[in-house]
Amino acid sequence: MGAFIPLLPYLMLSGNMALNGTLAATGLALFGVGSTISLFTGRQALYGGLRMLLIGGLAGAATWSIGRALGVVLG
């Protein structure tokens, strides 16, 4: 299910709108998962959500950077 969320905007949109939709949907999902996990860890929901958003954002940036270094071009 988690892998479907970033793909969903591409099923309904195209181009930059799909990319922006993916970024927004993924960011909201990451924040939501982090906030939900805080219910089990006892930490604040805002802290948990932002932490998960940061970790997911760094993972996405690393993936993009590696792809770019290998010469992958989208578009």
C-alpha atoms as a PDB file:
ATOM      1  CA  MET A   1       0.000   0.000   0.000  1.00  0.00           C
ATOM      2  CA  GLY A   2       2.816   2.390   0.847  1.00  0.00           C
ATOM      3  CA  ALA A   3       4.348   2.037  -2.604  1.00  0.00           C
ATOM      4  CA  PHE A   4       0.992   2.834  -4.221  1.00  0.00           C
ATOM      5  CA  ILE A   5       0.722   6.311  -2.670  1.00  0.00           C
ATOM      6  CA  PRO A   6       3.527   7.921  -4.736  1.00  0.00           C
ATOM      7  CA  LEU A   7       2.167   6.309  -7.918  1.00  0.00           C
ATOM      8  CA  LEU A   8      -1.433   7.424  -7.449  1.00  0.00           C
ATOM      9  CA  PRO A   9      -0.978  10.985  -8.841  1.00  0.00           C
ATOM     10  CA  TYR A  10       0.556   9.525 -12.025  1.00  0.00           C
ATOM     11  CA  LEU A  11      -2.641   7.557 -12.622  1.00  0.00           C
ATOM     12  CA  MET A  12      -4.687  10.768 -12.626  1.00  0.00           C
ATOM     13  CA  LEU A  13      -2.256  13.501 -13.750  1.00  0.00           C
ATOM     14  CA  SER A  14       0.758  13.955 -16.000  1.00  0.00           C
ATOM     15  CA  GLY A  15       3.961  15.971 -16.170  1.00  0.00           C
ATOM     16  CA  ASN A  16       4.852  18.431 -13.432  1.00  0.00           C
ATOM     17  CA  MET A  17       1.400  18.210 -11.880  1.00  0.00           C
ATOM     18  CA  ALA A  18       1.902  14.483 -11.323  1.00  0.00           C
ATOM     19  CA  LEU A  19       5.348  15.080  -9.819  1.00  0.00           C
ATOM     20  CA  ASN A  20       4.035  17.781  -7.497  1.00  0.00           C
ATOM     21  CA  GLY A  21       1.123  15.533  -6.532  1.00  0.00           C
ATOM     22  CA  THR A  22       3.530  12.726  -5.767  1.00  0.00           C
ATOM     23  CA  LEU A  23       5.678  14.969  -3.590  1.00  0.00           C
ATOM     24  CA  ALA A  24       2.632  16.217  -1.687  1.00  0.00           C
ATOM     25  CA  ALA A  25       0.999  12.792  -1.277  1.00  0.00           C
ATOM     26  CA  THR A  26       4.252  11.180  -0.179  1.00  0.00           C
ATOM     27  CA  GLY A  27       5.006  13.985   2.263  1.00  0.00           C
ATOM     28  CA  LEU A  28       1.550  13.754   3.808  1.00  0.00           C
ATOM     29  CA  ALA A  29       1.783   9.966   4.045  1.00  0.00           C
ATOM     30  CA  LEU A  30       5.218  10.097   5.673  1.00  0.00           C
ATOM     31  CA  PHE A  31       4.046  12.720   8.160  1.00  0.00           C
ATOM     32  CA  GLY A  32       0.907  10.698   8.904  1.00  0.00           C
ATOM     33  CA  VAL A  33       2.850   7.495   9.516  1.00  0.00           C
ATOM     34  CA  GLY A  34       5.307   9.299  11.787  1.00  0.00           C
ATOM     35  CA  SER A  35       2.483  10.903  13.748  1.00  0.00           C
ATOM     36  CA  THR A  36       0.721   7.566  14.116  1.00  0.00           C
ATOM     37  CA  ILE A  37       3.883   5.847  15.335  1.00  0.00           C
ATOM     38  CA  SER A  38       4.123   8.494  18.067  1.00  0.00           C
ATOM     39  CA  LEU A  39       1.013   6.965  19.627  1.00  0.00           C
ATOM     40  CA  PHE A  40       3.103   3.880  20.412  1.00  0.00           C
ATOM     41  CA  THR A  41       6.360   5.619  21.339  1.00  0.00           C
ATOM     42  CA  GLY A  42       4.916   8.281  23.630  1.00  0.00           C
ATOM     43  CA  ARG A  43       6.585  11.131  21.727  1.00  0.00           C
ATOM     44  CA  GLN A  44       4.770  14.171  20.415  1.00  0.00           C
ATOM     45  CA  ALA A  45       2.906  13.657  17.140  1.00  0.00           C
ATOM     46  CA  LEU A  46       4.520  16.723  15.546  1.00  0.00           C
ATOM     47  CA  TYR A  47       8.002  15.449  16.396  1.00  0.00           C
ATOM     48  CA  GLY A  48       7.249  11.967  15.080  1.00  0.00           C
ATOM     49  CA  GLY A  49       5.690  13.295  11.878  1.00  0.00           C
ATOM     50  CA  LEU A  50       8.513  15.701  11.128  1.00  0.00           C
ATOM     51  CA  ARG A  51      11.128  13.061  11.923  1.00  0.00           C
ATOM     52  CA  MET A  52       9.579  10.578   9.509  1.00  0.00           C
ATOM     53  CA  LEU A  53       9.183  13.299   6.859  1.00  0.00           C
ATOM     54  CA  LEU A  54      12.865  14.217   7.207  1.00  0.00           C
ATOM     55  CA  ILE A  55      14.053  10.605   7.002  1.00  0.00           C
ATOM     56  CA  GLY A  56      11.838   9.877   3.994  1.00  0.00           C
ATOM     57  CA  GLY A  57      12.873  13.108   2.304  1.00  0.00           C
ATOM     58  CA  LEU A  58      16.545  12.279   2.770  1.00  0.00           C
ATOM     59  CA  ALA A  59      15.985   8.790   1.361  1.00  0.00           C
ATOM     60  CA  GLY A  60      14.229  10.256  -1.676  1.00  0.00           C
ATOM     61  CA  ALA A  61      16.975  12.841  -2.200  1.00  0.00           C
ATOM     62  CA  ALA A  62      19.633  10.126  -1.964  1.00  0.00           C
ATOM     63  CA  THR A  63      17.780   7.990  -4.509  1.00  0.00           C
ATOM     64  CA  TRP A  64      17.437  10.941  -6.890  1.00  0.00           C
ATOM     65  CA  SER A  65      21.126  11.849  -6.459  1.00  0.00           C
ATOM     66  CA  ILE A  66      22.298   8.314  -7.174  1.00  0.00           C
ATOM     67  CA  GLY A  67      20.100   8.135 -10.257  1.00  0.00           C
ATOM     68  CA  ARG A  68      21.408  11.457 -11.503  1.00  0.00           C
ATOM     69  CA  ALA A  69      25.021  10.373 -10.898  1.00  0.00           C
ATOM     70  CA  LEU A  70      24.328   7.245 -12.966  1.00  0.00           C
ATOM     71  CA  GLY A  71      22.904   9.354 -15.804  1.00  0.00           C
ATOM     72  CA  VAL A  72      19.216   8.564 -15.378  1.00  0.00           C
ATOM     73  CA  VAL A  73      17.040  11.222 -17.006  1.00  0.00           C
ATOM     74  CA  LEU A  74      13.263  11.353 -16.586  1.00  0.00           C
ATOM     75  CA  GLY A  75      11.077  13.098 -19.015  1.00  0.00           C
END
